[in-house]
Amino acid sequence: MNQKLRKLVQKLGEAIHESVSESEHIAGVVHDIRKQGFDVLLMLEATIGLNEVEQQPAAALEPSNAQSQEGNETFTAQDLNFLKSLRIAIEGEKTPD
């Protein structure tokens, strides 16, 4: 992995950590657990997979059929599978099984 890509992956990890750390919802649940008399240690593992995309002529690229409600964003089957693994559904979209 080249140095630039390594830094980008590190920035992604930091962004995920920051999102979790600043989540009011997570903080609220942790507070509720502490009120029950328990200490909380939260450890998350993130697996980041990278697949190099082969360069193709623009005419050869076909957009996915899955689009967000606004109709201007396109999700691939892989995107929908990832969202499904996080239990996030896009209204009106049929997620791949």
N, C-alpha and C. Protein backbone atom coordinates (compact mmCIF):
# COMPACT_ATOMS: atom_id res chain seq x y z
N MET A 1 0.86 -1.17 0.00
CA MET A 1 0.00 0.00 0.00
C MET A 1 0.91 1.24 0.00
N ASN A 2 0.62 2.16 -0.89
CA ASN A 2 1.47 3.36 -0.96
C ASN A 2 1.17 4.31 0.21
N GLN A 3 2.07 5.23 0.43
CA GLN A 3 2.01 6.13 1.59
C GLN A 3 0.75 6.99 1.58
N LYS A 4 0.37 7.50 0.42
CA LYS A 4 -0.83 8.35 0.32
C LYS A 4 -2.08 7.56 0.69
N LEU A 5 -2.20 6.35 0.17
CA LEU A 5 -3.35 5.51 0.48
C LEU A 5 -3.36 5.14 1.96
N ARG A 6 -2.20 4.85 2.52
CA ARG A 6 -2.10 4.51 3.95
C ARG A 6 -2.61 5.67 4.80
N LYS A 7 -2.25 6.91 4.43
CA LYS A 7 -2.70 8.08 5.17
C LYS A 7 -4.22 8.25 5.05
N LEU A 8 -4.76 7.99 3.86
CA LEU A 8 -6.21 8.10 3.67
C LEU A 8 -6.96 7.07 4.50
N VAL A 9 -6.45 5.85 4.57
CA VAL A 9 -7.08 4.81 5.38
C VAL A 9 -7.00 5.20 6.85
N GLN A 10 -5.89 5.76 7.26
CA GLN A 10 -5.75 6.22 8.64
C GLN A 10 -6.76 7.33 8.94
N LYS A 11 -6.93 8.26 8.00
CA LYS A 11 -7.91 9.33 8.18
C LYS A 11 -9.33 8.77 8.28
N LEU A 12 -9.60 7.71 7.52
CA LEU A 12 -10.91 7.07 7.59
C LEU A 12 -11.13 6.48 8.98
N GLY A 13 -10.12 5.80 9.50
CA GLY A 13 -10.21 5.25 10.85
C GLY A 13 -10.44 6.33 11.89
N GLU A 14 -9.74 7.44 11.75
CA GLU A 14 -9.91 8.56 12.68
C GLU A 14 -11.32 9.15 12.58
N ALA A 15 -11.85 9.23 11.37
CA ALA A 15 -13.20 9.77 11.17
C ALA A 15 -14.24 8.85 11.81
N ILE A 16 -14.05 7.54 11.68
CA ILE A 16 -14.98 6.58 12.30
C ILE A 16 -14.90 6.73 13.82
N HIS A 17 -13.69 6.80 14.36
CA HIS A 17 -13.52 6.96 15.81
C HIS A 17 -14.19 8.24 16.30
N GLU A 18 -13.99 9.32 15.57
CA GLU A 18 -14.58 10.61 15.95
C GLU A 18 -16.11 10.54 15.92
N SER A 19 -16.66 9.88 14.91
CA SER A 19 -18.11 9.76 14.80
C SER A 19 -18.70 9.02 15.99
N VAL A 20 -18.04 7.92 16.38
CA VAL A 20 -18.52 7.14 17.52
C VAL A 20 -18.34 7.94 18.81
N SER A 21 -17.19 8.59 18.96
CA SER A 21 -16.90 9.35 20.18
C SER A 21 -17.87 10.50 20.39
N GLU A 22 -18.32 11.11 19.32
CA GLU A 22 -19.19 12.28 19.42
C GLU A 22 -20.68 11.95 19.30
N SER A 23 -21.01 10.68 19.21
CA SER A 23 -22.40 10.29 19.04
C SER A 23 -23.18 10.51 20.34
N GLU A 24 -24.19 11.35 20.28
CA GLU A 24 -25.04 11.60 21.44
C GLU A 24 -25.82 10.34 21.81
N HIS A 25 -26.22 9.57 20.83
CA HIS A 25 -26.97 8.34 21.08
C HIS A 25 -26.12 7.35 21.85
N ILE A 26 -24.89 7.13 21.41
CA ILE A 26 -23.99 6.21 22.11
C ILE A 26 -23.71 6.73 23.51
N ALA A 27 -23.45 8.02 23.66
CA ALA A 27 -23.18 8.60 24.97
C ALA A 27 -24.36 8.40 25.91
N GLY A 28 -25.57 8.53 25.38
CA GLY A 28 -26.77 8.35 26.20
C GLY A 28 -26.91 6.92 26.69
N VAL A 29 -26.66 5.96 25.81
CA VAL A 29 -26.76 4.55 26.20
C VAL A 29 -25.67 4.21 27.22
N VAL A 30 -24.45 4.69 27.00
CA VAL A 30 -23.36 4.46 27.96
C VAL A 30 -23.74 5.05 29.32
N HIS A 31 -24.32 6.24 29.32
CA HIS A 31 -24.75 6.88 30.56
C HIS A 31 -25.80 6.01 31.28
N ASP A 32 -26.75 5.47 30.52
CA ASP A 32 -27.78 4.60 31.10
C ASP A 32 -27.17 3.34 31.71
N ILE A 33 -26.17 2.78 31.05
CA ILE A 33 -25.50 1.58 31.58
C ILE A 33 -24.78 1.93 32.87
N ARG A 34 -24.11 3.07 32.89
CA ARG A 34 -23.40 3.50 34.11
C ARG A 34 -24.37 3.73 35.26
N LYS A 35 -25.58 4.25 34.96
CA LYS A 35 -26.58 4.45 36.00
C LYS A 35 -27.01 3.12 36.61
N GLN A 36 -26.86 2.04 35.87
CA GLN A 36 -27.20 0.71 36.38
C GLN A 36 -26.06 0.12 37.21
N GLY A 37 -24.96 0.87 37.37
CA GLY A 37 -23.85 0.43 38.22
C GLY A 37 -22.75 -0.31 37.49
N PHE A 38 -22.66 -0.16 36.19
CA PHE A 38 -21.63 -0.85 35.42
C PHE A 38 -20.68 0.16 34.79
N ASP A 39 -19.42 -0.24 34.69
CA ASP A 39 -18.45 0.55 33.96
C ASP A 39 -18.47 0.06 32.51
N VAL A 40 -18.23 0.93 31.57
CA VAL A 40 -18.33 0.57 30.15
C VAL A 40 -16.97 0.70 29.48
N LEU A 41 -16.58 -0.36 28.80
CA LEU A 41 -15.40 -0.33 27.95
C LEU A 41 -15.88 -0.68 26.55
N LEU A 42 -15.79 0.25 25.63
CA LEU A 42 -16.28 0.04 24.28
C LEU A 42 -15.09 -0.11 23.34
N MET A 43 -15.00 -1.27 22.72
CA MET A 43 -13.93 -1.52 21.75
C MET A 43 -14.59 -1.92 20.44
N LEU A 44 -14.25 -1.22 19.40
CA LEU A 44 -14.80 -1.51 18.07
C LEU A 44 -13.67 -1.92 17.15
N GLU A 45 -13.97 -2.85 16.28
CA GLU A 45 -13.00 -3.26 15.28
C GLU A 45 -13.57 -2.91 13.92
N ALA A 46 -12.79 -2.22 13.14
CA ALA A 46 -13.21 -1.86 11.79
C ALA A 46 -12.30 -2.56 10.80
N THR A 47 -12.91 -3.26 9.88
CA THR A 47 -12.14 -3.89 8.81
C THR A 47 -12.37 -3.07 7.55
N ILE A 48 -11.29 -2.59 6.99
CA ILE A 48 -11.39 -1.76 5.79
C ILE A 48 -10.79 -2.55 4.64
N GLY A 49 -11.63 -2.88 3.69
CA GLY A 49 -11.16 -3.62 2.52
C GLY A 49 -11.02 -2.69 1.33
N LEU A 50 -9.95 -2.86 0.62
CA LEU A 50 -9.71 -2.03 -0.57
C LEU A 50 -9.58 -2.93 -1.79
N ASN A 51 -10.27 -2.59 -2.84
CA ASN A 51 -10.16 -3.28 -4.11
C ASN A 51 -9.77 -2.26 -5.16
N GLU A 52 -8.67 -2.50 -5.82
CA GLU A 52 -8.23 -1.57 -6.85
C GLU A 52 -9.18 -1.66 -8.04
N VAL A 53 -9.62 -0.51 -8.50
CA VAL A 53 -10.56 -0.44 -9.62
C VAL A 53 -9.76 -0.30 -10.90
N GLU A 54 -10.04 -1.16 -11.85
CA GLU A 54 -9.36 -1.05 -13.14
C GLU A 54 -9.94 0.12 -13.91
N GLN A 55 -9.08 0.86 -14.57
CA GLN A 55 -9.52 2.00 -15.35
C GLN A 55 -10.25 1.52 -16.58
N GLN A 56 -11.44 2.08 -16.81
CA GLN A 56 -12.25 1.72 -17.97
C GLN A 56 -12.66 3.00 -18.68
N PRO A 57 -12.88 2.90 -19.98
CA PRO A 57 -13.39 4.08 -20.69
C PRO A 57 -14.74 4.50 -20.10
N ALA A 58 -15.01 5.79 -20.08
CA ALA A 58 -16.25 6.31 -19.47
C ALA A 58 -17.49 5.68 -20.09
N ALA A 59 -17.47 5.38 -21.37
CA ALA A 59 -18.63 4.80 -22.04
C ALA A 59 -18.90 3.38 -21.56
N ALA A 60 -17.89 2.69 -21.04
CA ALA A 60 -18.06 1.31 -20.59
C ALA A 60 -18.65 1.21 -19.20
N LEU A 61 -18.66 2.32 -18.47
CA LEU A 61 -19.19 2.29 -17.11
C LEU A 61 -20.70 2.39 -17.15
N GLU A 62 -21.37 1.43 -16.51
CA GLU A 62 -22.83 1.45 -16.45
C GLU A 62 -23.25 1.72 -15.03
N PRO A 63 -24.12 2.70 -14.79
CA PRO A 63 -24.56 2.97 -13.43
C PRO A 63 -25.43 1.84 -12.90
N SER A 64 -25.44 1.69 -11.60
CA SER A 64 -26.27 0.68 -10.94
C SER A 64 -27.73 1.09 -11.07
N ASN A 65 -28.61 0.12 -10.95
CA ASN A 65 -30.04 0.42 -10.97
C ASN A 65 -30.52 1.02 -9.66
N ALA A 66 -29.77 0.80 -8.57
CA ALA A 66 -30.18 1.27 -7.25
C ALA A 66 -29.84 2.74 -7.10
N GLN A 67 -30.86 3.55 -6.81
CA GLN A 67 -30.63 4.97 -6.60
C GLN A 67 -31.32 5.40 -5.33
N SER A 68 -30.79 6.46 -4.70
CA SER A 68 -31.40 6.98 -3.49
C SER A 68 -32.72 7.65 -3.84
N GLN A 69 -33.45 8.04 -2.81
CA GLN A 69 -34.75 8.65 -3.03
C GLN A 69 -34.65 9.91 -3.88
N GLU A 70 -33.56 10.66 -3.71
CA GLU A 70 -33.43 11.87 -4.49
C GLU A 70 -33.17 11.55 -5.96
N GLY A 71 -32.70 10.33 -6.24
CA GLY A 71 -32.48 9.92 -7.61
C GLY A 71 -31.18 10.40 -8.21
N ASN A 72 -30.35 11.09 -7.44
CA ASN A 72 -29.12 11.59 -8.02
C ASN A 72 -27.88 10.89 -7.45
N GLU A 73 -28.05 9.97 -6.51
CA GLU A 73 -26.94 9.21 -5.97
C GLU A 73 -27.13 7.74 -6.36
N THR A 74 -26.05 7.08 -6.71
CA THR A 74 -26.12 5.70 -7.13
C THR A 74 -25.40 4.82 -6.13
N PHE A 75 -26.03 3.70 -5.75
CA PHE A 75 -25.43 2.74 -4.85
C PHE A 75 -25.17 1.45 -5.59
N THR A 76 -24.01 0.89 -5.40
CA THR A 76 -23.70 -0.41 -5.99
C THR A 76 -24.28 -1.50 -5.10
N ALA A 77 -24.29 -2.73 -5.60
CA ALA A 77 -24.75 -3.87 -4.80
C ALA A 77 -23.88 -3.99 -3.55
N GLN A 78 -22.58 -3.72 -3.70
CA GLN A 78 -21.67 -3.79 -2.55
C GLN A 78 -22.03 -2.72 -1.51
N ASP A 79 -22.38 -1.52 -1.97
CA ASP A 79 -22.81 -0.46 -1.05
C ASP A 79 -24.05 -0.91 -0.27
N LEU A 80 -25.03 -1.46 -0.99
CA LEU A 80 -26.26 -1.89 -0.34
C LEU A 80 -26.01 -3.03 0.64
N ASN A 81 -25.11 -3.96 0.29
CA ASN A 81 -24.77 -5.04 1.22
C ASN A 81 -24.14 -4.48 2.49
N PHE A 82 -23.25 -3.50 2.33
CA PHE A 82 -22.60 -2.89 3.48
C PHE A 82 -23.63 -2.20 4.37
N LEU A 83 -24.52 -1.42 3.76
CA LEU A 83 -25.56 -0.75 4.54
C LEU A 83 -26.44 -1.76 5.25
N LYS A 84 -26.77 -2.86 4.57
CA LYS A 84 -27.59 -3.91 5.17
C LYS A 84 -26.88 -4.52 6.37
N SER A 85 -25.54 -4.69 6.29
CA SER A 85 -24.79 -5.26 7.41
C SER A 85 -24.82 -4.33 8.62
N LEU A 86 -25.02 -3.04 8.39
CA LEU A 86 -25.14 -2.06 9.47
C LEU A 86 -26.60 -1.86 9.88
N ARG A 87 -27.48 -2.66 9.28
CA ARG A 87 -28.93 -2.58 9.52
C ARG A 87 -29.48 -1.22 9.11
N ILE A 88 -28.99 -0.73 7.98
CA ILE A 88 -29.47 0.53 7.41
C ILE A 88 -30.16 0.18 6.09
N ALA A 89 -31.39 0.61 5.96
CA ALA A 89 -32.14 0.34 4.74
C ALA A 89 -32.42 1.64 4.01
N ILE A 90 -32.41 1.58 2.70
CA ILE A 90 -32.76 2.72 1.86
C ILE A 90 -34.20 2.49 1.44
N GLU A 91 -35.08 3.44 1.77
CA GLU A 91 -36.49 3.29 1.44
C GLU A 91 -36.68 3.13 -0.07
N GLY A 92 -37.49 2.18 -0.43
CA GLY A 92 -37.79 1.97 -1.83
C GLY A 92 -36.77 1.14 -2.56
N GLU A 93 -35.71 0.71 -1.88
CA GLU A 93 -34.66 -0.07 -2.52
C GLU A 93 -34.78 -1.52 -2.09
N LYS A 94 -34.57 -2.40 -3.02
CA LYS A 94 -34.51 -3.82 -2.71
C LYS A 94 -33.04 -4.15 -2.48
N THR A 95 -32.71 -4.54 -1.23
CA THR A 95 -31.31 -4.84 -0.92
C THR A 95 -30.97 -6.23 -1.39
N PRO A 96 -29.74 -6.42 -1.90
CA PRO A 96 -29.34 -7.75 -2.35
C PRO A 96 -29.22 -8.71 -1.19
N ASP A 97 -29.54 -9.97 -1.41
CA ASP A 97 -29.48 -10.98 -0.33
C ASP A 97 -28.14 -11.63 -0.27
